[in-house]
Amino acid sequence: MILAIVLTVVVPTVVAVVATIALGRREKVASEEYDSDSVSFVGGILGALFTVVLAFYIVFAWQTGDDIETTATAEGNALIDAYGQAEIVNIQPLISA
């Protein structure tokens, strides 16, 4: 889980900071001969892409949690059925109440 958080949050942040520093040292940027509209457009696109990737990650994590809940419910129901069947044939349960 911690690795997933690192890969989802920390790595893209580090990449963005390194790219910003690397691009900020170019001569064209240093001389301020750039179009601010195009720079803001690229920033908006990168922000939108990050948002989409984060949304997919959240949906996948949510689905995994739902699968875990479904499996736990099925196992719980199977345990209840096994306990009920043990009472029918008068087998002593392993767990004392």
N, C-alpha and C. Protein backbone atom coordinates (compact mmCIF):
# COMPACT_ATOMS: atom_id res chain seq x y z
N MET A 1 0.82 -1.19 0.00
CA MET A 1 0.00 0.00 0.00
C MET A 1 0.86 1.25 0.00
N ILE A 2 1.94 1.23 0.81
CA ILE A 2 2.82 2.40 0.86
C ILE A 2 3.52 2.59 -0.48
N LEU A 3 3.90 1.49 -1.12
CA LEU A 3 4.54 1.59 -2.43
C LEU A 3 3.59 2.21 -3.45
N ALA A 4 2.32 1.85 -3.38
CA ALA A 4 1.34 2.42 -4.30
C ALA A 4 1.19 3.92 -4.08
N ILE A 5 1.20 4.35 -2.83
CA ILE A 5 1.11 5.78 -2.54
C ILE A 5 2.34 6.51 -3.05
N VAL A 6 3.49 5.91 -2.85
CA VAL A 6 4.73 6.54 -3.32
C VAL A 6 4.71 6.65 -4.85
N LEU A 7 4.31 5.59 -5.52
CA LEU A 7 4.27 5.61 -6.98
C LEU A 7 3.21 6.56 -7.52
N THR A 8 2.15 6.77 -6.78
CA THR A 8 1.06 7.61 -7.26
C THR A 8 1.27 9.08 -6.95
N VAL A 9 1.85 9.39 -5.81
CA VAL A 9 1.94 10.78 -5.39
C VAL A 9 3.37 11.32 -5.46
N VAL A 10 4.31 10.61 -4.85
CA VAL A 10 5.65 11.14 -4.70
C VAL A 10 6.40 11.17 -6.03
N VAL A 11 6.36 10.09 -6.77
CA VAL A 11 7.12 10.02 -8.02
C VAL A 11 6.66 11.08 -9.03
N PRO A 12 5.35 11.23 -9.30
CA PRO A 12 4.96 12.30 -10.23
C PRO A 12 5.32 13.70 -9.74
N THR A 13 5.28 13.91 -8.43
CA THR A 13 5.66 15.22 -7.89
C THR A 13 7.14 15.50 -8.12
N VAL A 14 7.96 14.50 -7.87
CA VAL A 14 9.40 14.67 -8.09
C VAL A 14 9.69 14.89 -9.57
N VAL A 15 9.04 14.15 -10.43
CA VAL A 15 9.23 14.32 -11.88
C VAL A 15 8.82 15.73 -12.30
N ALA A 16 7.71 16.23 -11.79
CA ALA A 16 7.25 17.57 -12.14
C ALA A 16 8.23 18.64 -11.66
N VAL A 17 8.76 18.48 -10.46
CA VAL A 17 9.72 19.46 -9.94
C VAL A 17 11.00 19.44 -10.75
N VAL A 18 11.51 18.25 -11.06
CA VAL A 18 12.73 18.14 -11.85
C VAL A 18 12.53 18.72 -13.24
N ALA A 19 11.38 18.42 -13.86
CA ALA A 19 11.11 18.97 -15.20
C ALA A 19 11.00 20.48 -15.16
N THR A 20 10.39 21.03 -14.13
CA THR A 20 10.27 22.48 -14.00
C THR A 20 11.63 23.13 -13.84
N ILE A 21 12.48 22.54 -13.03
CA ILE A 21 13.83 23.08 -12.84
C ILE A 21 14.63 22.98 -14.13
N ALA A 22 14.53 21.83 -14.81
CA ALA A 22 15.29 21.64 -16.05
C ALA A 22 14.82 22.60 -17.14
N LEU A 23 13.52 22.76 -17.27
CA LEU A 23 13.00 23.66 -18.30
C LEU A 23 13.20 25.13 -17.93
N GLY A 24 13.26 25.43 -16.65
CA GLY A 24 13.45 26.80 -16.21
C GLY A 24 14.85 27.31 -16.45
N ARG A 25 15.80 26.43 -16.69
CA ARG A 25 17.19 26.84 -16.91
C ARG A 25 17.51 27.06 -18.39
N ARG A 26 16.57 26.84 -19.24
CA ARG A 26 16.83 27.07 -20.66
C ARG A 26 17.00 28.55 -20.93
N GLU A 27 17.75 28.88 -21.97
CA GLU A 27 18.02 30.28 -22.30
C GLU A 27 16.76 31.04 -22.67
N LYS A 28 15.87 30.39 -23.41
CA LYS A 28 14.65 31.06 -23.85
C LYS A 28 13.79 31.45 -22.66
N VAL A 29 13.69 30.58 -21.69
CA VAL A 29 12.90 30.87 -20.50
C VAL A 29 13.60 31.92 -19.65
N ALA A 30 14.92 31.82 -19.54
CA ALA A 30 15.69 32.77 -18.73
C ALA A 30 15.59 34.19 -19.30
N SER A 31 15.50 34.30 -20.62
CA SER A 31 15.40 35.63 -21.24
C SER A 31 13.96 36.11 -21.32
N GLU A 32 13.03 35.32 -20.81
CA GLU A 32 11.60 35.64 -20.78
C GLU A 32 11.01 35.85 -22.17
N GLU A 33 11.49 35.11 -23.14
CA GLU A 33 10.95 35.16 -24.50
C GLU A 33 10.06 33.95 -24.74
N TYR A 34 8.98 33.87 -24.02
CA TYR A 34 8.06 32.76 -24.17
C TYR A 34 6.64 33.28 -24.10
N ASP A 35 5.75 32.50 -24.62
CA ASP A 35 4.34 32.86 -24.65
C ASP A 35 3.65 32.31 -23.41
N SER A 36 3.17 33.17 -22.55
CA SER A 36 2.58 32.71 -21.30
C SER A 36 1.29 31.92 -21.53
N ASP A 37 0.58 32.20 -22.62
CA ASP A 37 -0.63 31.44 -22.91
C ASP A 37 -0.33 29.98 -23.20
N SER A 38 0.72 29.73 -23.97
CA SER A 38 1.06 28.34 -24.29
C SER A 38 1.58 27.62 -23.05
N VAL A 39 2.32 28.32 -22.20
CA VAL A 39 2.82 27.71 -20.98
C VAL A 39 1.66 27.34 -20.06
N SER A 40 0.69 28.21 -19.93
CA SER A 40 -0.45 27.91 -19.07
C SER A 40 -1.31 26.79 -19.66
N PHE A 41 -1.38 26.72 -21.00
CA PHE A 41 -2.13 25.63 -21.65
C PHE A 41 -1.48 24.29 -21.34
N VAL A 42 -0.16 24.22 -21.47
CA VAL A 42 0.55 22.97 -21.17
C VAL A 42 0.38 22.60 -19.70
N GLY A 43 0.45 23.58 -18.82
CA GLY A 43 0.23 23.31 -17.40
C GLY A 43 -1.16 22.78 -17.13
N GLY A 44 -2.15 23.32 -17.82
CA GLY A 44 -3.53 22.83 -17.67
C GLY A 44 -3.69 21.41 -18.15
N ILE A 45 -3.05 21.10 -19.27
CA ILE A 45 -3.11 19.73 -19.81
C ILE A 45 -2.46 18.75 -18.84
N LEU A 46 -1.29 19.11 -18.31
CA LEU A 46 -0.62 18.22 -17.36
C LEU A 46 -1.45 18.05 -16.09
N GLY A 47 -2.08 19.11 -15.64
CA GLY A 47 -2.94 19.00 -14.46
C GLY A 47 -4.14 18.10 -14.72
N ALA A 48 -4.72 18.21 -15.91
CA ALA A 48 -5.87 17.36 -16.26
C ALA A 48 -5.45 15.89 -16.35
N LEU A 49 -4.29 15.62 -16.95
CA LEU A 49 -3.81 14.24 -17.04
C LEU A 49 -3.56 13.65 -15.66
N PHE A 50 -2.97 14.43 -14.76
CA PHE A 50 -2.74 13.95 -13.41
C PHE A 50 -4.06 13.65 -12.71
N THR A 51 -5.05 14.50 -12.93
CA THR A 51 -6.36 14.30 -12.31
C THR A 51 -7.01 13.01 -12.82
N VAL A 52 -6.90 12.75 -14.11
CA VAL A 52 -7.48 11.53 -14.68
C VAL A 52 -6.79 10.29 -14.13
N VAL A 53 -5.48 10.33 -14.05
CA VAL A 53 -4.74 9.18 -13.51
C VAL A 53 -5.11 8.95 -12.05
N LEU A 54 -5.21 10.02 -11.28
CA LEU A 54 -5.60 9.89 -9.88
C LEU A 54 -7.01 9.34 -9.74
N ALA A 55 -7.91 9.76 -10.62
CA ALA A 55 -9.29 9.25 -10.59
C ALA A 55 -9.32 7.75 -10.88
N PHE A 56 -8.56 7.30 -11.87
CA PHE A 56 -8.49 5.87 -12.17
C PHE A 56 -7.95 5.09 -10.97
N TYR A 57 -6.93 5.63 -10.32
CA TYR A 57 -6.36 4.96 -9.16
C TYR A 57 -7.40 4.83 -8.04
N ILE A 58 -8.16 5.89 -7.80
CA ILE A 58 -9.17 5.86 -6.75
C ILE A 58 -10.26 4.84 -7.09
N VAL A 59 -10.69 4.79 -8.35
CA VAL A 59 -11.73 3.84 -8.76
C VAL A 59 -11.23 2.41 -8.60
N PHE A 60 -10.00 2.15 -9.00
CA PHE A 60 -9.46 0.79 -8.87
C PHE A 60 -9.35 0.39 -7.40
N ALA A 61 -8.90 1.31 -6.54
CA ALA A 61 -8.81 1.00 -5.12
C ALA A 61 -10.19 0.76 -4.53
N TRP A 62 -11.18 1.53 -4.96
CA TRP A 62 -12.54 1.37 -4.47
C TRP A 62 -13.09 0.00 -4.87
N GLN A 63 -12.84 -0.41 -6.13
CA GLN A 63 -13.32 -1.70 -6.60
C GLN A 63 -12.65 -2.84 -5.84
N THR A 64 -11.37 -2.70 -5.54
CA THR A 64 -10.67 -3.73 -4.78
C THR A 64 -11.27 -3.85 -3.38
N GLY A 65 -11.57 -2.72 -2.75
CA GLY A 65 -12.21 -2.75 -1.44
C GLY A 65 -13.57 -3.40 -1.49
N ASP A 66 -14.32 -3.15 -2.56
CA ASP A 66 -15.64 -3.77 -2.71
C ASP A 66 -15.50 -5.28 -2.90
N ASP A 67 -14.49 -5.70 -3.66
CA ASP A 67 -14.25 -7.14 -3.83
C ASP A 67 -13.90 -7.80 -2.51
N ILE A 68 -13.12 -7.13 -1.69
CA ILE A 68 -12.75 -7.67 -0.38
C ILE A 68 -13.99 -7.82 0.50
N GLU A 69 -14.85 -6.81 0.47
CA GLU A 69 -16.08 -6.87 1.27
C GLU A 69 -16.98 -8.01 0.80
N THR A 70 -17.09 -8.20 -0.51
CA THR A 70 -17.92 -9.28 -1.05
C THR A 70 -17.38 -10.64 -0.63
N THR A 71 -16.07 -10.81 -0.71
CA THR A 71 -15.44 -12.07 -0.31
C THR A 71 -15.63 -12.34 1.18
N ALA A 72 -15.46 -11.32 2.00
CA ALA A 72 -15.63 -11.49 3.44
C ALA A 72 -17.07 -11.86 3.78
N THR A 73 -18.03 -11.25 3.08
CA THR A 73 -19.44 -11.58 3.31
C THR A 73 -19.72 -13.03 2.93
N ALA A 74 -19.18 -13.47 1.80
CA ALA A 74 -19.38 -14.86 1.37
C ALA A 74 -18.77 -15.84 2.36
N GLU A 75 -17.57 -15.53 2.87
CA GLU A 75 -16.94 -16.41 3.84
C GLU A 75 -17.74 -16.44 5.15
N GLY A 76 -18.24 -15.29 5.56
CA GLY A 76 -19.06 -15.24 6.77
C GLY A 76 -20.32 -16.06 6.63
N ASN A 77 -20.98 -15.95 5.49
CA ASN A 77 -22.19 -16.75 5.25
C ASN A 77 -21.88 -18.24 5.20
N ALA A 78 -20.74 -18.61 4.62
CA ALA A 78 -20.35 -20.02 4.58
C ALA A 78 -20.09 -20.55 5.98
N LEU A 79 -19.49 -19.72 6.84
CA LEU A 79 -19.25 -20.13 8.21
C LEU A 79 -20.56 -20.32 8.97
N ILE A 80 -21.51 -19.42 8.75
CA ILE A 80 -22.82 -19.54 9.40
C ILE A 80 -23.52 -20.82 8.94
N ASP A 81 -23.44 -21.11 7.63
CA ASP A 81 -24.05 -22.34 7.10
C ASP A 81 -23.39 -23.58 7.69
N ALA A 82 -22.06 -23.58 7.78
CA ALA A 82 -21.35 -24.73 8.35
C ALA A 82 -21.72 -24.93 9.81
N TYR A 83 -21.85 -23.85 10.55
CA TYR A 83 -22.24 -23.95 11.97
C TYR A 83 -23.66 -24.50 12.08
N GLY A 84 -24.55 -24.03 11.21
CA GLY A 84 -25.93 -24.53 11.23
C GLY A 84 -26.01 -26.01 10.87
N GLN A 85 -25.22 -26.45 9.91
CA GLN A 85 -25.21 -27.86 9.53
C GLN A 85 -24.63 -28.72 10.65
N ALA A 86 -23.64 -28.19 11.36
CA ALA A 86 -23.05 -28.94 12.48
C ALA A 86 -24.07 -29.13 13.59
N GLU A 87 -24.93 -28.15 13.81
CA GLU A 87 -25.97 -28.28 14.84
C GLU A 87 -27.02 -29.31 14.43
N ILE A 88 -27.30 -29.39 13.10
CA ILE A 88 -28.31 -30.32 12.63
C ILE A 88 -27.90 -31.75 12.87
N VAL A 89 -26.62 -32.08 12.64
CA VAL A 89 -26.16 -33.45 12.82
C VAL A 89 -25.56 -33.68 14.21
N ASN A 90 -25.75 -32.75 15.11
CA ASN A 90 -25.31 -32.82 16.50
C ASN A 90 -23.79 -33.00 16.64
N ILE A 91 -23.04 -32.30 15.84
CA ILE A 91 -21.57 -32.28 15.97
C ILE A 91 -21.22 -31.09 16.85
N GLN A 92 -20.34 -31.33 17.80
CA GLN A 92 -19.94 -30.23 18.66
C GLN A 92 -19.10 -29.23 17.87
N PRO A 93 -19.46 -27.96 17.94
CA PRO A 93 -18.65 -26.95 17.22
C PRO A 93 -17.29 -26.76 17.88
N LEU A 94 -16.31 -26.35 17.09
CA LEU A 94 -14.97 -26.13 17.61
C LEU A 94 -14.90 -24.88 18.49
N ILE A 95 -15.78 -23.93 18.22
CA ILE A 95 -15.79 -22.68 18.98
C ILE A 95 -16.90 -22.76 20.01
N SER A 96 -16.55 -22.60 21.25
CA SER A 96 -17.59 -22.64 22.30
C SER A 96 -18.15 -21.24 22.48
N ALA A 97 -19.46 -21.18 22.65
CA ALA A 97 -20.12 -19.88 22.77
C ALA A 97 -20.11 -19.35 24.17
